[in-house]
Amino acid sequence: MDASSSGQSPGGMVGLLWRWRSLLGAVAILAGACGAGWLAWRELHDSPERSPDSLLTGDAIEVVGIPDWITTDLKWQALRNASLDTPLPLDDPSLERRLARAFDMHPWVAHVEEVQTRHPAAATVTLRCRVPVAMVRVEGGLLAIDAEATVLPSIDFTPEAAAEYPLITGITTSPRGPEGSAWGDRTVAAGAALTAAIGPEWRNLGLTECRAVPARDVEETGVWWELLGADDLLIVFGRAPGRERPGEPSAAAKIARLAALADRQQAGLPLADTDLTKPAG
């Protein structure tokens, strides 16, 4: 019988065997890969490094240094905004840096002082938060700022809480960046520095408003500041601290006069409109 009558030539048989051999080899490789992956998965999940004690959850993160004026949940906001999904492996060498970065990005945080992690999985994040010093009146409402004119999250302030802070008016600009960044206006920066410098005398005098007005001297540029209080009280403060014109009393001298006015008011004596840019009469 010849090759043609058998239905399969020798060459065809060889080719078929090689194809089966290649297929079996591929199946063996795939099976080996699957087996290795399964073993790796078992090792990963059964190892002590991935036990619950080594996985840091959000509830196990303690945040120190959050002041009373922050009413929203800073911790969860920071983790969410940084897309830092928990649980996090405690053996991640970059864990403390990632936590610090997440909190440093929050607009209320001035500086992350320290991040400590420990086993069983827990962490302590120590913060220095920004301190609000004033509210700035803008079209549509009020925006909170700190002494460096950093824009703060206004959602943390109820109308009653906002009323406890000096009100800066006469501002015609809007913030150039998001919350947590500087306003970007020299006048706002001057107003922030002024309200921070006045400090407790603001409340002692019953002042309500810090108003930016054009400089009185036609040869000058920039603004002066007027302080307004109850019963139409007007105190002319003049230039902001550090921006006094030649011959103008220093900010320290002006604030000392404000303290004297506060003592006079607490003694029950009436207050008259006062110009702090001129010597005391």
C-alpha atoms as a PDB file:
ATOM      1  CA  MET A   1       0.000   0.000   0.000  1.00  0.00           C
ATOM      2  CA  ASP A   2       1.371   3.388  -0.955  1.00  0.00           C
ATOM      3  CA  ALA A   3       1.217   6.584   1.038  1.00  0.00           C
ATOM      4  CA  SER A   4      -1.715   7.960  -0.936  1.00  0.00           C
ATOM      5  CA  SER A   5      -3.930   4.958  -0.128  1.00  0.00           C
ATOM      6  CA  SER A   6      -3.319   5.216   3.685  1.00  0.00           C
ATOM      7  CA  GLY A   7      -5.089   8.626   3.915  1.00  0.00           C
ATOM      8  CA  GLN A   8      -2.158  10.294   5.661  1.00  0.00           C
ATOM      9  CA  SER A   9       1.333  10.916   4.341  1.00  0.00           C
ATOM     10  CA  PRO A  10       4.360  10.575   6.639  1.00  0.00           C
ATOM     11  CA  GLY A  11       4.952  14.314   6.326  1.00  0.00           C
ATOM     12  CA  GLY A  12       1.394  15.039   7.431  1.00  0.00           C
ATOM     13  CA  MET A  13       1.785  12.816  10.485  1.00  0.00           C
ATOM     14  CA  VAL A  14       4.932  14.627  11.509  1.00  0.00           C
ATOM     15  CA  GLY A  15       3.266  18.012  11.116  1.00  0.00           C
ATOM     16  CA  LEU A  16       0.302  16.908  13.196  1.00  0.00           C
ATOM     17  CA  LEU A  17       2.552  15.653  15.987  1.00  0.00           C
ATOM     18  CA  TRP A  18       4.451  18.945  16.055  1.00  0.00           C
ATOM     19  CA  ARG A  19       1.219  20.915  16.258  1.00  0.00           C
ATOM     20  CA  TRP A  20      -0.010  18.793  19.167  1.00  0.00           C
ATOM     21  CA  ARG A  21       3.358  19.135  20.867  1.00  0.00           C
ATOM     22  CA  SER A  22       3.235  22.932  20.565  1.00  0.00           C
ATOM     23  CA  LEU A  23      -0.317  23.024  21.896  1.00  0.00           C
ATOM     24  CA  LEU A  24       0.545  20.829  24.858  1.00  0.00           C
ATOM     25  CA  GLY A  25       3.547  22.998  25.591  1.00  0.00           C
ATOM     26  CA  ALA A  26       1.428  26.149  25.617  1.00  0.00           C
ATOM     27  CA  VAL A  27      -1.099  24.488  27.913  1.00  0.00           C
ATOM     28  CA  ALA A  28       1.684  23.423  30.257  1.00  0.00           C
ATOM     29  CA  ILE A  29       3.118  26.942  30.380  1.00  0.00           C
ATOM     30  CA  LEU A  30      -0.316  28.461  31.064  1.00  0.00           C
ATOM     31  CA  ALA A  31      -1.005  25.919  33.783  1.00  0.00           C
ATOM     32  CA  GLY A  32       2.350  26.627  35.367  1.00  0.00           C
ATOM     33  CA  ALA A  33       1.703  30.365  35.336  1.00  0.00           C
ATOM     34  CA  CYS A  34      -1.722  29.944  36.893  1.00  0.00           C
ATOM     35  CA  GLY A  35      -0.284  27.682  39.564  1.00  0.00           C
ATOM     36  CA  ALA A  36       2.492  30.119  40.364  1.00  0.00           C
ATOM     37  CA  GLY A  37       0.022  32.986  40.563  1.00  0.00           C
ATOM     38  CA  TRP A  38      -2.226  31.018  42.888  1.00  0.00           C
ATOM     39  CA  LEU A  39       0.701  30.155  45.154  1.00  0.00           C
ATOM     40  CA  ALA A  40       1.836  33.787  45.195  1.00  0.00           C
ATOM     41  CA  TRP A  41      -1.692  34.924  46.075  1.00  0.00           C
ATOM     42  CA  ARG A  42      -1.879  32.403  48.901  1.00  0.00           C
ATOM     43  CA  GLU A  43       1.509  33.456  50.205  1.00  0.00           C
ATOM     44  CA  LEU A  44       0.594  37.138  50.045  1.00  0.00           C
ATOM     45  CA  HIS A  45      -2.723  36.811  51.847  1.00  0.00           C
ATOM     46  CA  ASP A  46      -1.619  34.188  54.337  1.00  0.00           C
ATOM     47  CA  SER A  47       1.589  36.006  55.299  1.00  0.00           C
ATOM     48  CA  PRO A  48       1.821  37.944  58.599  1.00  0.00           C
ATOM     49  CA  GLU A  49       2.592  41.170  56.646  1.00  0.00           C
ATOM     50  CA  ARG A  50      -0.981  41.275  55.370  1.00  0.00           C
ATOM     51  CA  SER A  51      -2.740  40.380  58.595  1.00  0.00           C
ATOM     52  CA  PRO A  52      -5.301  42.897  59.918  1.00  0.00           C
ATOM     53  CA  ASP A  53      -2.701  44.171  62.375  1.00  0.00           C
ATOM     54  CA  SER A  54      -0.559  45.250  59.412  1.00  0.00           C
ATOM     55  CA  LEU A  55      -3.246  47.043  57.402  1.00  0.00           C
ATOM     56  CA  LEU A  56      -3.818  50.687  58.338  1.00  0.00           C
ATOM     57  CA  THR A  57      -7.451  51.763  58.210  1.00  0.00           C
ATOM     58  CA  GLY A  58      -8.742  55.329  58.306  1.00  0.00           C
ATOM     59  CA  ASP A  59     -10.252  54.787  61.745  1.00  0.00           C
ATOM     60  CA  ALA A  60      -6.777  53.912  63.087  1.00  0.00           C
ATOM     61  CA  ILE A  61      -5.325  57.275  61.976  1.00  0.00           C
ATOM     62  CA  GLU A  62      -5.290  59.814  64.810  1.00  0.00           C
ATOM     63  CA  VAL A  63      -4.966  63.476  63.847  1.00  0.00           C
ATOM     64  CA  VAL A  64      -3.591  65.874  66.470  1.00  0.00           C
ATOM     65  CA  GLY A  65      -3.814  69.653  66.253  1.00  0.00           C
ATOM     66  CA  ILE A  66      -7.243  70.265  64.737  1.00  0.00           C
ATOM     67  CA  PRO A  67      -8.641  73.444  66.365  1.00  0.00           C
ATOM     68  CA  ASP A  68     -12.254  74.073  67.320  1.00  0.00           C
ATOM     69  CA  TRP A  69     -12.983  76.427  64.423  1.00  0.00           C
ATOM     70  CA  ILE A  70     -12.627  73.554  61.933  1.00  0.00           C
ATOM     71  CA  THR A  71     -16.049  71.935  62.040  1.00  0.00           C
ATOM     72  CA  THR A  72     -15.820  69.574  59.066  1.00  0.00           C
ATOM     73  CA  ASP A  73     -14.012  66.214  59.116  1.00  0.00           C
ATOM     74  CA  LEU A  74     -10.506  67.233  58.092  1.00  0.00           C
ATOM     75  CA  LYS A  75      -9.093  63.710  58.298  1.00  0.00           C
ATOM     76  CA  TRP A  76     -11.479  62.061  55.887  1.00  0.00           C
ATOM     77  CA  GLN A  77     -11.410  65.071  53.569  1.00  0.00           C
ATOM     78  CA  ALA A  78      -7.616  64.848  53.357  1.00  0.00           C
ATOM     79  CA  LEU A  79      -7.623  61.104  52.672  1.00  0.00           C
ATOM     80  CA  ARG A  80     -10.374  61.388  50.074  1.00  0.00           C
ATOM     81  CA  ASN A  81      -8.942  64.409  48.264  1.00  0.00           C
ATOM     82  CA  ALA A  82      -5.549  62.693  48.002  1.00  0.00           C
ATOM     83  CA  SER A  83      -7.196  59.477  46.717  1.00  0.00           C
ATOM     84  CA  LEU A  84      -5.517  57.644  49.579  1.00  0.00           C
ATOM     85  CA  ASP A  85      -7.721  54.571  49.811  1.00  0.00           C
ATOM     86  CA  THR A  86      -7.514  52.560  53.004  1.00  0.00           C
ATOM     87  CA  PRO A  87      -6.528  50.050  54.251  1.00  0.00           C
ATOM     88  CA  LEU A  88      -2.875  50.792  53.589  1.00  0.00           C
ATOM     89  CA  PRO A  89      -0.053  48.256  54.100  1.00  0.00           C
ATOM     90  CA  LEU A  90       1.983  49.164  57.145  1.00  0.00           C
ATOM     91  CA  ASP A  91       5.196  47.858  55.543  1.00  0.00           C
ATOM     92  CA  ASP A  92       4.969  50.340  52.667  1.00  0.00           C
ATOM     93  CA  PRO A  93       8.234  52.330  53.008  1.00  0.00           C
ATOM     94  CA  SER A  94       6.516  55.422  51.605  1.00  0.00           C
ATOM     95  CA  LEU A  95       3.487  55.257  53.919  1.00  0.00           C
ATOM     96  CA  GLU A  96       4.482  58.119  56.236  1.00  0.00           C
ATOM     97  CA  ARG A  97       5.428  60.326  53.287  1.00  0.00           C
ATOM     98  CA  ARG A  98       2.111  59.591  51.562  1.00  0.00           C
ATOM     99  CA  LEU A  99       0.156  60.422  54.700  1.00  0.00           C
ATOM    100  CA  ALA A 100       2.099  63.652  55.168  1.00  0.00           C
ATOM    101  CA  ARG A 101       1.457  64.620  51.567  1.00  0.00           C
ATOM    102  CA  ALA A 102      -2.274  63.915  51.867  1.00  0.00           C
ATOM    103  CA  PHE A 103      -2.691  66.181  54.894  1.00  0.00           C
ATOM    104  CA  ASP A 104      -0.321  68.850  53.607  1.00  0.00           C
ATOM    105  CA  MET A 105      -2.608  69.308  50.594  1.00  0.00           C
ATOM    106  CA  HIS A 106      -5.603  70.227  52.786  1.00  0.00           C
ATOM    107  CA  PRO A 107      -6.373  73.985  52.739  1.00  0.00           C
ATOM    108  CA  TRP A 108      -6.607  74.178  56.519  1.00  0.00           C
ATOM    109  CA  VAL A 109      -3.138  72.707  57.077  1.00  0.00           C
ATOM    110  CA  ALA A 110      -0.218  75.109  57.349  1.00  0.00           C
ATOM    111  CA  HIS A 111       2.334  72.372  58.081  1.00  0.00           C
ATOM    112  CA  VAL A 112       2.464  68.662  58.872  1.00  0.00           C
ATOM    113  CA  GLU A 113       4.632  68.572  61.965  1.00  0.00           C
ATOM    114  CA  GLU A 114       5.062  64.787  62.260  1.00  0.00           C
ATOM    115  CA  VAL A 115       3.720  61.434  61.064  1.00  0.00           C
ATOM    116  CA  GLN A 116       4.264  58.323  63.184  1.00  0.00           C
ATOM    117  CA  THR A 117       3.182  54.794  62.323  1.00  0.00           C
ATOM    118  CA  ARG A 118       3.256  51.765  64.622  1.00  0.00           C
ATOM    119  CA  HIS A 119       2.215  48.126  64.923  1.00  0.00           C
ATOM    120  CA  PRO A 120      -0.549  46.997  65.369  1.00  0.00           C
ATOM    121  CA  ALA A 121      -1.522  49.194  62.423  1.00  0.00           C
ATOM    122  CA  ALA A 122      -2.050  52.746  63.663  1.00  0.00           C
ATOM    123  CA  ALA A 123      -0.765  56.216  62.841  1.00  0.00           C
ATOM    124  CA  THR A 124      -0.616  59.637  64.469  1.00  0.00           C
ATOM    125  CA  VAL A 125      -0.490  62.758  62.284  1.00  0.00           C
ATOM    126  CA  THR A 126       0.392  66.024  64.046  1.00  0.00           C
ATOM    127  CA  LEU A 127      -0.683  69.200  62.275  1.00  0.00           C
ATOM    128  CA  ARG A 128      -0.260  72.954  62.575  1.00  0.00           C
ATOM    129  CA  CYS A 129      -3.422  74.461  61.168  1.00  0.00           C
ATOM    130  CA  ARG A 130      -4.055  77.922  59.812  1.00  0.00           C
ATOM    131  CA  VAL A 131      -5.698  80.487  62.100  1.00  0.00           C
ATOM    132  CA  PRO A 132      -8.496  82.674  60.713  1.00  0.00           C
ATOM    133  CA  VAL A 133      -8.082  86.388  61.461  1.00  0.00           C
ATOM    134  CA  ALA A 134     -10.790  88.034  59.354  1.00  0.00           C
ATOM    135  CA  MET A 135     -13.632  87.705  56.885  1.00  0.00           C
ATOM    136  CA  VAL A 136     -13.428  89.503  53.554  1.00  0.00           C
ATOM    137  CA  ARG A 137     -16.635  90.783  52.022  1.00  0.00           C
ATOM    138  CA  VAL A 138     -16.930  89.830  48.364  1.00  0.00           C
ATOM    139  CA  GLU A 139     -19.794  89.716  45.955  1.00  0.00           C
ATOM    140  CA  GLY A 140     -22.011  86.910  47.128  1.00  0.00           C
ATOM    141  CA  GLY A 141     -20.787  86.544  50.693  1.00  0.00           C
ATOM    142  CA  LEU A 142     -17.744  86.310  52.950  1.00  0.00           C
ATOM    143  CA  LEU A 143     -14.408  84.543  52.591  1.00  0.00           C
ATOM    144  CA  ALA A 144     -12.197  83.667  55.554  1.00  0.00           C
ATOM    145  CA  ILE A 145      -8.451  84.421  55.519  1.00  0.00           C
ATOM    146  CA  ASP A 146      -5.486  83.954  57.838  1.00  0.00           C
ATOM    147  CA  ALA A 147      -2.745  86.462  58.701  1.00  0.00           C
ATOM    148  CA  GLU A 148      -0.936  85.705  55.417  1.00  0.00           C
ATOM    149  CA  ALA A 149      -4.152  86.289  53.403  1.00  0.00           C
ATOM    150  CA  THR A 150      -4.493  82.583  52.667  1.00  0.00           C
ATOM    151  CA  VAL A 151      -8.052  81.765  51.638  1.00  0.00           C
ATOM    152  CA  LEU A 152      -9.638  79.335  54.098  1.00  0.00           C
ATOM    153  CA  PRO A 153     -12.595  76.950  53.677  1.00  0.00           C
ATOM    154  CA  SER A 154     -15.644  79.105  54.400  1.00  0.00           C
ATOM    155  CA  ILE A 155     -17.865  76.043  54.798  1.00  0.00           C
ATOM    156  CA  ASP A 156     -16.566  75.698  58.363  1.00  0.00           C
ATOM    157  CA  PHE A 157     -18.135  79.021  59.407  1.00  0.00           C
ATOM    158  CA  THR A 158     -21.774  79.551  60.219  1.00  0.00           C
ATOM    159  CA  PRO A 159     -23.052  83.139  59.883  1.00  0.00           C
ATOM    160  CA  GLU A 160     -22.836  83.436  63.676  1.00  0.00           C
ATOM    161  CA  ALA A 161     -19.232  82.190  63.735  1.00  0.00           C
ATOM    162  CA  ALA A 162     -18.213  84.471  60.863  1.00  0.00           C
ATOM    163  CA  ALA A 163     -19.608  87.481  62.737  1.00  0.00           C
ATOM    164  CA  GLU A 164     -17.031  86.909  65.492  1.00  0.00           C
ATOM    165  CA  TYR A 165     -14.190  87.943  63.168  1.00  0.00           C
ATOM    166  CA  PRO A 166     -13.149  91.369  61.856  1.00  0.00           C
ATOM    167  CA  LEU A 167     -14.842  92.203  58.569  1.00  0.00           C
ATOM    168  CA  ILE A 168     -12.588  93.565  55.819  1.00  0.00           C
ATOM    169  CA  THR A 169     -14.425  95.676  53.263  1.00  0.00           C
ATOM    170  CA  GLY A 170     -13.481  97.800  50.277  1.00  0.00           C
ATOM    171  CA  ILE A 171     -11.961  94.850  48.407  1.00  0.00           C
ATOM    172  CA  THR A 172     -12.641  94.711  44.670  1.00  0.00           C
ATOM    173  CA  THR A 173     -10.768  91.527  43.728  1.00  0.00           C
ATOM    174  CA  SER A 174     -11.488  87.816  44.009  1.00  0.00           C
ATOM    175  CA  PRO A 175      -9.009  85.108  45.057  1.00  0.00           C
ATOM    176  CA  ARG A 176      -6.670  84.050  42.274  1.00  0.00           C
ATOM    177  CA  GLY A 177      -6.474  80.445  43.424  1.00  0.00           C
ATOM    178  CA  PRO A 178      -8.379  77.786  45.350  1.00  0.00           C
ATOM    179  CA  GLU A 179      -8.799  77.520  49.095  1.00  0.00           C
ATOM    180  CA  GLY A 180      -5.434  77.027  50.756  1.00  0.00           C
ATOM    181  CA  SER A 181      -3.641  79.471  48.452  1.00  0.00           C
ATOM    182  CA  ALA A 182      -2.869  83.171  48.857  1.00  0.00           C
ATOM    183  CA  TRP A 183      -5.535  85.664  47.799  1.00  0.00           C
ATOM    184  CA  GLY A 184      -3.086  87.408  45.488  1.00  0.00           C
ATOM    185  CA  ASP A 185      -3.991  91.025  46.324  1.00  0.00           C
ATOM    186  CA  ARG A 186      -1.711  93.398  48.224  1.00  0.00           C
ATOM    187  CA  THR A 187      -4.664  95.202  49.772  1.00  0.00           C
ATOM    188  CA  VAL A 188      -6.112  91.980  51.158  1.00  0.00           C
ATOM    189  CA  ALA A 189      -2.651  91.041  52.469  1.00  0.00           C
ATOM    190  CA  ALA A 190      -2.405  94.434  54.196  1.00  0.00           C
ATOM    191  CA  GLY A 191      -5.857  94.024  55.734  1.00  0.00           C
ATOM    192  CA  ALA A 192      -4.958  90.556  57.006  1.00  0.00           C
ATOM    193  CA  ALA A 193      -1.759  91.860  58.596  1.00  0.00           C
ATOM    194  CA  LEU A 194      -3.657  94.753  60.176  1.00  0.00           C
ATOM    195  CA  THR A 195      -6.422  92.685  61.752  1.00  0.00           C
ATOM    196  CA  ALA A 196      -3.858  90.181  63.042  1.00  0.00           C
ATOM    197  CA  ALA A 197      -1.798  93.013  64.570  1.00  0.00           C
ATOM    198  CA  ILE A 198      -4.792  94.609  66.300  1.00  0.00           C
ATOM    199  CA  GLY A 199      -5.563  91.280  67.934  1.00  0.00           C
ATOM    200  CA  PRO A 200      -7.659  91.399  71.129  1.00  0.00           C
ATOM    201  CA  GLU A 201      -8.169  95.168  70.943  1.00  0.00           C
ATOM    202  CA  TRP A 202     -10.609  94.513  68.131  1.00  0.00           C
ATOM    203  CA  ARG A 203     -13.064  92.836  70.470  1.00  0.00           C
ATOM    204  CA  ASN A 204     -12.262  95.108  73.437  1.00  0.00           C
ATOM    205  CA  LEU A 205     -13.240  98.170  71.410  1.00  0.00           C
ATOM    206  CA  GLY A 206     -16.295  96.547  69.888  1.00  0.00           C
ATOM    207  CA  LEU A 207     -14.991  97.143  66.376  1.00  0.00           C
ATOM    208  CA  THR A 208     -16.960  95.632  63.518  1.00  0.00           C
ATOM    209  CA  GLU A 209     -15.295  96.593  60.261  1.00  0.00           C
ATOM    210  CA  CYS A 210     -11.861  97.245  58.749  1.00  0.00           C
ATOM    211  CA  ARG A 211     -12.410  99.325  55.615  1.00  0.00           C
ATOM    212  CA  ALA A 212      -9.939  99.990  52.816  1.00  0.00           C
ATOM    213  CA  VAL A 213     -10.236 103.533  51.429  1.00  0.00           C
ATOM    214  CA  PRO A 214      -8.127 105.450  48.886  1.00  0.00           C
ATOM    215  CA  ALA A 215      -5.118 107.222  50.384  1.00  0.00           C
ATOM    216  CA  ARG A 216      -6.090 110.697  51.605  1.00  0.00           C
ATOM    217  CA  ASP A 217      -3.083 112.491  50.143  1.00  0.00           C
ATOM    218  CA  VAL A 218      -3.503 113.018  46.395  1.00  0.00           C
ATOM    219  CA  GLU A 219       0.223 112.431  45.950  1.00  0.00           C
ATOM    220  CA  GLU A 220      -0.024 108.973  47.506  1.00  0.00           C
ATOM    221  CA  THR A 221      -1.060 105.672  46.023  1.00  0.00           C
ATOM    222  CA  GLY A 222      -2.545 102.653  47.719  1.00  0.00           C
ATOM    223  CA  VAL A 223      -5.045 102.610  50.558  1.00  0.00           C
ATOM    224  CA  TRP A 224      -5.552 103.721  54.117  1.00  0.00           C
ATOM    225  CA  TRP A 225      -7.540 101.793  56.664  1.00  0.00           C
ATOM    226  CA  GLU A 226     -10.490 102.901  58.743  1.00  0.00           C
ATOM    227  CA  LEU A 227     -11.822 100.968  61.731  1.00  0.00           C
ATOM    228  CA  LEU A 228     -15.550 101.149  62.368  1.00  0.00           C
ATOM    229  CA  GLY A 229     -17.362 100.336  65.586  1.00  0.00           C
ATOM    230  CA  ALA A 230     -20.666 100.609  67.357  1.00  0.00           C
ATOM    231  CA  ASP A 231     -22.517 103.931  67.465  1.00  0.00           C
ATOM    232  CA  ASP A 232     -20.825 105.027  64.221  1.00  0.00           C
ATOM    233  CA  LEU A 233     -17.390 105.093  65.853  1.00  0.00           C
ATOM    234  CA  LEU A 234     -14.644 105.837  63.298  1.00  0.00           C
ATOM    235  CA  ILE A 235     -10.935 105.304  63.969  1.00  0.00           C
ATOM    236  CA  VAL A 236      -8.528 106.220  61.187  1.00  0.00           C
ATOM    237  CA  PHE A 237      -5.652 103.749  61.350  1.00  0.00           C
ATOM    238  CA  GLY A 238      -3.823 104.965  58.241  1.00  0.00           C
ATOM    239  CA  ARG A 239      -1.332 102.759  56.474  1.00  0.00           C
ATOM    240  CA  ALA A 240      -1.108  99.064  57.273  1.00  0.00           C
ATOM    241  CA  PRO A 241       1.729  97.811  59.517  1.00  0.00           C
ATOM    242  CA  GLY A 242       5.079  98.115  57.770  1.00  0.00           C
ATOM    243  CA  ARG A 243       3.723 100.488  55.115  1.00  0.00           C
ATOM    244  CA  GLU A 244       3.679 103.728  57.070  1.00  0.00           C
ATOM    245  CA  ARG A 245       4.532 106.924  55.227  1.00  0.00           C
ATOM    246  CA  PRO A 246       7.377 109.144  56.561  1.00  0.00           C
ATOM    247  CA  GLY A 247       6.337 110.800  59.799  1.00  0.00           C
ATOM    248  CA  GLU A 248       3.387 108.491  60.376  1.00  0.00           C
ATOM    249  CA  PRO A 249       3.322 106.747  63.792  1.00  0.00           C
ATOM    250  CA  SER A 250       4.362 103.105  63.782  1.00  0.00           C
ATOM    251  CA  ALA A 251       1.853 100.292  63.969  1.00  0.00           C
ATOM    252  CA  ALA A 252       3.009  99.557  67.526  1.00  0.00           C
ATOM    253  CA  ALA A 253       2.280 103.147  68.593  1.00  0.00           C
ATOM    254  CA  LYS A 254      -1.157 103.042  66.975  1.00  0.00           C
ATOM    255  CA  ILE A 255      -2.065  99.755  68.627  1.00  0.00           C
ATOM    256  CA  ALA A 256      -0.934 101.121  71.997  1.00  0.00           C
ATOM    257  CA  ARG A 257      -3.388 103.988  71.505  1.00  0.00           C
ATOM    258  CA  LEU A 258      -6.103 101.480  70.629  1.00  0.00           C
ATOM    259  CA  ALA A 259      -5.414  99.678  73.910  1.00  0.00           C
ATOM    260  CA  ALA A 260      -5.738 102.976  75.752  1.00  0.00           C
ATOM    261  CA  LEU A 261      -9.055 103.629  74.021  1.00  0.00           C
ATOM    262  CA  ALA A 262     -10.238 100.162  75.050  1.00  0.00           C
ATOM    263  CA  ASP A 263      -9.333 100.896  78.680  1.00  0.00           C
ATOM    264  CA  ARG A 264     -11.278 104.146  78.447  1.00  0.00           C
ATOM    265  CA  GLN A 265     -14.312 102.348  77.079  1.00  0.00           C
ATOM    266  CA  GLN A 266     -14.192  99.651  79.762  1.00  0.00           C
ATOM    267  CA  ALA A 267     -14.092 102.433  82.356  1.00  0.00           C
ATOM    268  CA  GLY A 268     -17.421 103.649  80.998  1.00  0.00           C
ATOM    269  CA  LEU A 269     -16.028 106.772  79.334  1.00  0.00           C
ATOM    270  CA  PRO A 270     -17.306 107.790  75.893  1.00  0.00           C
ATOM    271  CA  LEU A 271     -15.166 107.342  72.808  1.00  0.00           C
ATOM    272  CA  ALA A 272     -14.787 109.931  70.094  1.00  0.00           C
ATOM    273  CA  ASP A 273     -13.644 109.495  66.511  1.00  0.00           C
ATOM    274  CA  THR A 274      -9.865 109.227  66.482  1.00  0.00           C
ATOM    275  CA  ASP A 275      -7.170 109.677  63.828  1.00  0.00           C
ATOM    276  CA  LEU A 276      -4.200 107.473  64.737  1.00  0.00           C
ATOM    277  CA  THR A 277      -2.049 108.973  61.988  1.00  0.00           C
ATOM    278  CA  LYS A 278      -1.792 112.187  64.042  1.00  0.00           C
ATOM    279  CA  PRO A 279      -0.159 112.676  67.429  1.00  0.00           C
ATOM    280  CA  ALA A 280      -2.406 112.174  70.444  1.00  0.00           C
ATOM    281  CA  GLY A 281      -3.913 115.457  71.522  1.00  0.00           C
END
